């Protein structure tokens, strides 16, 4: 039987972790209310898994300075962890909308990497 190249466990790069567990985010204007709700549900699951040590807070406009997650309606990828020189971009597009895909990209944006 062929084994997968990737393990299902995660590790974190401490330099890329979000301070104080607060993660601000902003949606691309192309997201419908339904898409936003799917992404919010994934974030809520992460908050529950961390027993509230992680809190996502929506922004209504671009802040004066980062850090924040910018959800972009295109592709299926994410910057790895906190980006101090700009937004941490999470690309969740038309072919990446399953709950599992959204969680996967959120983990990367929070600093988790494949082992």
N, C-alpha and C. Protein backbone atom coordinates (compact mmCIF):
# COMPACT_ATOMS: atom_id res chain seq x y z
N UNK A 1 0.84 -1.19 0.00
CA UNK A 1 0.00 0.00 0.00
C UNK A 1 0.89 1.25 0.00
N UNK A 2 0.54 2.21 -0.82
CA UNK A 2 1.30 3.46 -0.92
C UNK A 2 0.96 4.37 0.25
N UNK A 3 1.99 4.97 0.83
CA UNK A 3 1.76 5.89 1.93
C UNK A 3 1.79 7.32 1.42
N UNK A 4 1.02 8.17 2.06
CA UNK A 4 0.98 9.58 1.70
C UNK A 4 2.31 10.25 2.01
N UNK A 5 2.69 11.24 1.21
CA UNK A 5 3.90 12.00 1.46
C UNK A 5 3.75 12.93 2.67
N UNK A 6 2.51 13.28 3.01
CA UNK A 6 2.26 14.25 4.07
C UNK A 6 1.66 13.57 5.29
N UNK A 7 2.12 13.97 6.45
CA UNK A 7 1.51 13.51 7.69
C UNK A 7 0.34 14.42 8.03
N UNK A 8 -0.57 13.92 8.82
CA UNK A 8 -1.73 14.72 9.19
C UNK A 8 -1.51 15.55 10.45
N UNK A 9 -0.33 15.51 11.01
CA UNK A 9 -0.07 16.30 12.21
C UNK A 9 0.49 17.67 11.82
N UNK A 10 0.47 18.58 12.77
CA UNK A 10 0.88 19.96 12.51
C UNK A 10 1.92 20.40 13.53
N UNK A 11 2.78 21.29 13.15
CA UNK A 11 3.69 21.95 14.07
C UNK A 11 3.67 23.43 13.74
N UNK A 12 4.13 24.25 14.66
CA UNK A 12 4.06 25.70 14.45
C UNK A 12 5.44 26.35 14.49
N UNK A 13 5.63 27.34 13.66
CA UNK A 13 6.81 28.19 13.66
C UNK A 13 6.50 29.33 14.62
N UNK A 14 7.12 29.35 15.78
CA UNK A 14 6.77 30.32 16.83
C UNK A 14 6.89 31.77 16.38
N UNK A 15 7.75 32.07 15.43
CA UNK A 15 7.91 33.44 14.96
C UNK A 15 6.73 33.89 14.10
N UNK A 16 5.90 32.96 13.68
CA UNK A 16 4.77 33.28 12.81
C UNK A 16 3.43 33.24 13.55
N UNK A 17 3.45 33.04 14.87
CA UNK A 17 2.20 32.94 15.63
C UNK A 17 1.62 34.31 15.92
N UNK A 18 0.32 34.36 16.04
CA UNK A 18 -0.40 35.61 16.28
C UNK A 18 -0.33 35.98 17.76
N UNK A 19 -0.04 37.24 18.07
CA UNK A 19 0.10 37.65 19.48
C UNK A 19 -1.23 37.64 20.21
N UNK A 20 -1.20 37.16 21.42
CA UNK A 20 -2.34 37.21 22.35
C UNK A 20 -3.56 36.45 21.87
N UNK A 21 -3.44 35.65 20.82
CA UNK A 21 -4.56 34.86 20.34
C UNK A 21 -5.64 35.64 19.62
N UNK A 22 -5.42 36.92 19.39
CA UNK A 22 -6.39 37.75 18.68
C UNK A 22 -6.03 37.80 17.20
N UNK A 23 -7.00 37.41 16.36
CA UNK A 23 -6.78 37.40 14.92
C UNK A 23 -7.87 38.24 14.26
N UNK A 24 -7.45 39.36 13.70
CA UNK A 24 -8.39 40.23 12.99
C UNK A 24 -8.45 39.81 11.53
N UNK A 25 -9.60 39.99 10.93
CA UNK A 25 -9.74 39.57 9.53
C UNK A 25 -10.67 40.51 8.77
N UNK A 26 -10.50 40.48 7.45
CA UNK A 26 -11.27 41.33 6.54
C UNK A 26 -11.60 40.52 5.30
N UNK A 27 -12.83 40.62 4.82
CA UNK A 27 -13.25 39.89 3.62
C UNK A 27 -13.10 40.75 2.37
N UNK A 28 -12.66 40.12 1.30
CA UNK A 28 -12.71 40.67 -0.04
C UNK A 28 -14.19 40.96 -0.36
N UNK A 29 -14.46 42.05 -1.05
CA UNK A 29 -15.85 42.44 -1.35
C UNK A 29 -16.57 41.46 -2.27
N UNK A 30 -15.84 40.55 -2.90
CA UNK A 30 -16.46 39.58 -3.81
C UNK A 30 -17.15 38.42 -3.09
N UNK A 31 -16.94 38.28 -1.79
CA UNK A 31 -17.59 37.18 -1.05
C UNK A 31 -19.06 37.47 -0.83
N UNK A 32 -19.88 36.46 -1.08
CA UNK A 32 -21.31 36.57 -0.77
C UNK A 32 -21.50 36.32 0.73
N UNK A 33 -22.68 36.61 1.23
CA UNK A 33 -22.97 36.35 2.64
C UNK A 33 -22.81 34.86 2.97
N UNK A 34 -23.20 33.99 2.03
CA UNK A 34 -23.07 32.55 2.25
C UNK A 34 -21.62 32.11 2.41
N UNK A 35 -20.75 32.64 1.54
CA UNK A 35 -19.32 32.34 1.65
C UNK A 35 -18.76 32.82 2.99
N UNK A 36 -19.12 34.04 3.35
CA UNK A 36 -18.64 34.59 4.62
C UNK A 36 -19.07 33.72 5.79
N UNK A 37 -20.30 33.25 5.75
CA UNK A 37 -20.80 32.40 6.84
C UNK A 37 -20.02 31.09 6.91
N UNK A 38 -19.69 30.50 5.77
CA UNK A 38 -18.89 29.27 5.75
C UNK A 38 -17.52 29.49 6.39
N UNK A 39 -16.90 30.60 6.07
CA UNK A 39 -15.58 30.92 6.63
C UNK A 39 -15.70 31.20 8.13
N UNK A 40 -16.72 31.93 8.53
CA UNK A 40 -16.94 32.20 9.96
C UNK A 40 -17.17 30.91 10.75
N UNK A 41 -17.88 29.95 10.16
CA UNK A 41 -18.10 28.66 10.82
C UNK A 41 -16.77 27.93 11.05
N UNK A 42 -15.88 27.97 10.08
CA UNK A 42 -14.57 27.35 10.24
C UNK A 42 -13.78 28.05 11.35
N UNK A 43 -13.84 29.37 11.39
CA UNK A 43 -13.14 30.11 12.44
C UNK A 43 -13.73 29.78 13.81
N UNK A 44 -15.04 29.64 13.89
CA UNK A 44 -15.69 29.28 15.15
C UNK A 44 -15.22 27.90 15.61
N UNK A 45 -15.09 26.96 14.69
CA UNK A 45 -14.58 25.63 15.04
C UNK A 45 -13.17 25.73 15.62
N UNK A 46 -12.32 26.56 15.03
CA UNK A 46 -10.96 26.73 15.56
C UNK A 46 -10.99 27.36 16.94
N UNK A 47 -11.86 28.32 17.15
CA UNK A 47 -11.99 28.93 18.48
C UNK A 47 -12.40 27.88 19.50
N UNK A 48 -13.34 27.01 19.14
CA UNK A 48 -13.80 25.97 20.06
C UNK A 48 -12.72 24.95 20.36
N UNK A 49 -11.96 24.56 19.34
CA UNK A 49 -10.88 23.58 19.52
C UNK A 49 -9.81 24.12 20.46
N UNK A 50 -9.59 25.42 20.44
CA UNK A 50 -8.55 26.02 21.29
C UNK A 50 -9.11 26.49 22.63
N UNK A 51 -10.34 26.11 22.93
CA UNK A 51 -10.99 26.50 24.20
C UNK A 51 -10.95 28.01 24.42
N UNK A 52 -11.13 28.76 23.35
CA UNK A 52 -11.20 30.20 23.46
C UNK A 52 -9.86 30.91 23.51
N UNK A 53 -8.75 30.18 23.37
CA UNK A 53 -7.43 30.82 23.37
C UNK A 53 -7.18 31.59 22.08
N UNK A 54 -8.00 31.35 21.10
CA UNK A 54 -7.91 32.01 19.81
C UNK A 54 -9.23 32.73 19.58
N UNK A 55 -9.15 33.98 19.18
CA UNK A 55 -10.37 34.75 18.94
C UNK A 55 -10.25 35.49 17.61
N UNK A 56 -11.21 35.24 16.73
CA UNK A 56 -11.26 35.94 15.44
C UNK A 56 -12.19 37.14 15.58
N UNK A 57 -11.74 38.29 15.07
CA UNK A 57 -12.54 39.51 15.14
C UNK A 57 -12.58 40.17 13.76
N UNK A 58 -13.79 40.37 13.26
CA UNK A 58 -13.95 40.92 11.92
C UNK A 58 -13.72 42.43 11.92
N UNK A 59 -13.03 42.88 10.90
CA UNK A 59 -12.81 44.30 10.65
C UNK A 59 -13.80 44.75 9.58
N UNK A 60 -14.17 46.00 9.62
CA UNK A 60 -15.07 46.54 8.58
C UNK A 60 -14.30 47.38 7.56
N UNK A 61 -13.05 47.67 7.86
CA UNK A 61 -12.21 48.41 6.92
C UNK A 61 -10.75 48.02 7.18
N UNK A 62 -9.89 48.33 6.24
CA UNK A 62 -8.47 48.02 6.38
C UNK A 62 -7.91 48.83 7.56
N UNK A 63 -7.22 48.15 8.48
CA UNK A 63 -6.67 48.87 9.64
C UNK A 63 -5.48 49.73 9.23
N UNK A 64 -5.08 50.63 10.12
CA UNK A 64 -3.92 51.48 9.86
C UNK A 64 -2.67 50.65 9.69
N UNK A 65 -2.60 49.56 10.41
CA UNK A 65 -1.42 48.71 10.29
C UNK A 65 -1.82 47.25 10.53
N UNK A 66 -1.04 46.33 9.96
CA UNK A 66 -1.28 44.91 10.22
C UNK A 66 -1.02 44.62 11.69
N UNK A 67 -1.26 43.49 12.20
CA UNK A 67 -1.57 42.26 11.49
C UNK A 67 -3.07 41.98 11.36
N UNK A 68 -3.43 41.44 10.23
CA UNK A 68 -4.80 40.96 10.02
C UNK A 68 -4.78 39.98 8.86
N UNK A 69 -5.81 39.14 8.81
CA UNK A 69 -5.98 38.22 7.70
C UNK A 69 -6.88 38.88 6.66
N UNK A 70 -6.46 38.83 5.41
CA UNK A 70 -7.27 39.31 4.30
C UNK A 70 -7.74 38.08 3.53
N UNK A 71 -9.06 37.81 3.54
CA UNK A 71 -9.61 36.72 2.75
C UNK A 71 -9.83 37.21 1.33
N UNK A 72 -9.27 36.49 0.36
CA UNK A 72 -9.32 36.87 -1.04
C UNK A 72 -10.04 35.77 -1.83
N UNK A 73 -11.05 36.17 -2.60
CA UNK A 73 -11.87 35.23 -3.34
C UNK A 73 -11.18 34.79 -4.62
N UNK A 74 -10.15 33.96 -4.46
CA UNK A 74 -9.38 33.48 -5.60
C UNK A 74 -8.46 32.37 -5.11
N UNK A 75 -8.36 31.28 -5.84
CA UNK A 75 -7.39 30.24 -5.53
C UNK A 75 -7.68 29.44 -4.29
N UNK A 76 -6.62 28.83 -3.77
CA UNK A 76 -6.74 27.95 -2.61
C UNK A 76 -5.36 27.84 -1.96
N UNK A 77 -4.97 28.88 -1.23
CA UNK A 77 -3.67 28.90 -0.57
C UNK A 77 -3.68 29.97 0.51
N UNK A 78 -2.61 30.02 1.29
CA UNK A 78 -2.51 31.02 2.34
C UNK A 78 -1.06 31.34 2.63
N UNK A 79 -0.80 32.58 3.04
CA UNK A 79 0.52 32.92 3.58
C UNK A 79 0.72 32.10 4.84
N UNK A 80 1.96 31.80 5.17
CA UNK A 80 2.26 31.03 6.36
C UNK A 80 2.43 31.96 7.56
N UNK A 81 1.47 31.93 8.45
CA UNK A 81 1.58 32.66 9.71
C UNK A 81 1.51 34.16 9.57
N UNK A 82 1.75 34.80 10.68
CA UNK A 82 1.69 36.25 10.81
C UNK A 82 2.67 36.92 9.86
N UNK A 83 2.19 37.89 9.09
CA UNK A 83 3.03 38.67 8.18
C UNK A 83 3.12 40.08 8.75
N UNK A 84 4.28 40.47 9.22
CA UNK A 84 4.43 41.77 9.87
C UNK A 84 4.50 42.93 8.89
N UNK A 85 4.81 42.65 7.63
CA UNK A 85 4.96 43.73 6.65
C UNK A 85 3.72 43.90 5.76
N UNK A 86 2.62 43.29 6.14
CA UNK A 86 1.39 43.39 5.36
C UNK A 86 0.37 42.41 5.88
N UNK A 87 -0.72 42.29 5.16
CA UNK A 87 -1.76 41.36 5.59
C UNK A 87 -1.31 39.92 5.36
N UNK A 88 -1.86 39.02 6.15
CA UNK A 88 -1.69 37.59 5.93
C UNK A 88 -2.82 37.19 4.99
N UNK A 89 -2.51 36.93 3.75
CA UNK A 89 -3.53 36.66 2.74
C UNK A 89 -3.94 35.19 2.75
N UNK A 90 -5.26 34.98 2.75
CA UNK A 90 -5.83 33.64 2.67
C UNK A 90 -6.72 33.63 1.43
N UNK A 91 -6.34 32.80 0.48
CA UNK A 91 -7.07 32.72 -0.79
C UNK A 91 -8.04 31.55 -0.73
N UNK A 92 -9.32 31.86 -0.66
CA UNK A 92 -10.38 30.86 -0.64
C UNK A 92 -11.31 31.21 -1.80
N UNK A 93 -11.16 30.47 -2.91
CA UNK A 93 -11.94 30.75 -4.10
C UNK A 93 -12.98 29.70 -4.40
N UNK A 94 -13.57 29.78 -5.57
CA UNK A 94 -14.70 28.93 -5.95
C UNK A 94 -14.48 27.42 -5.78
N UNK A 95 -13.25 26.94 -5.97
CA UNK A 95 -13.00 25.50 -5.88
C UNK A 95 -12.36 25.12 -4.56
N UNK A 96 -12.48 25.98 -3.56
CA UNK A 96 -11.81 25.75 -2.28
C UNK A 96 -12.75 26.05 -1.11
N UNK A 97 -14.04 25.87 -1.32
CA UNK A 97 -15.00 26.31 -0.32
C UNK A 97 -15.48 25.28 0.68
N UNK A 98 -14.93 24.06 0.64
CA UNK A 98 -15.38 23.07 1.62
C UNK A 98 -14.86 23.45 3.00
N UNK A 99 -15.55 22.95 4.00
CA UNK A 99 -15.16 23.24 5.38
C UNK A 99 -13.71 22.81 5.63
N UNK A 100 -13.35 21.64 5.12
CA UNK A 100 -11.99 21.14 5.29
C UNK A 100 -10.94 22.00 4.63
N UNK A 101 -11.21 22.48 3.41
CA UNK A 101 -10.27 23.37 2.73
C UNK A 101 -10.09 24.68 3.49
N UNK A 102 -11.19 25.23 3.94
CA UNK A 102 -11.12 26.50 4.68
C UNK A 102 -10.30 26.32 5.95
N UNK A 103 -10.57 25.25 6.72
CA UNK A 103 -9.79 24.99 7.93
C UNK A 103 -8.31 24.83 7.61
N UNK A 104 -8.01 24.09 6.55
CA UNK A 104 -6.62 23.84 6.16
C UNK A 104 -5.88 25.16 5.91
N UNK A 105 -6.48 26.03 5.15
CA UNK A 105 -5.83 27.31 4.85
C UNK A 105 -5.75 28.21 6.08
N UNK A 106 -6.75 28.16 6.94
CA UNK A 106 -6.69 28.93 8.18
C UNK A 106 -5.54 28.45 9.08
N UNK A 107 -5.36 27.13 9.16
CA UNK A 107 -4.22 26.61 9.94
C UNK A 107 -2.92 27.19 9.42
N UNK A 108 -2.72 27.22 8.10
CA UNK A 108 -1.49 27.80 7.55
C UNK A 108 -1.37 29.27 7.93
N UNK A 109 -2.47 30.02 7.82
CA UNK A 109 -2.43 31.46 8.15
C UNK A 109 -2.11 31.68 9.63
N UNK A 110 -2.43 30.71 10.46
CA UNK A 110 -2.13 30.82 11.90
C UNK A 110 -0.72 30.38 12.25
N UNK A 111 0.01 29.84 11.27
CA UNK A 111 1.41 29.46 11.49
C UNK A 111 1.67 27.97 11.49
N UNK A 112 0.68 27.16 11.18
CA UNK A 112 0.88 25.71 11.17
C UNK A 112 1.44 25.27 9.83
N UNK A 113 2.33 24.30 9.88
CA UNK A 113 2.96 23.78 8.68
C UNK A 113 2.83 22.26 8.66
N UNK A 114 2.95 21.67 7.47
CA UNK A 114 2.95 20.21 7.35
C UNK A 114 4.27 19.69 7.89
N UNK A 115 4.23 18.56 8.57
CA UNK A 115 5.49 17.93 9.02
C UNK A 115 6.10 17.17 7.88
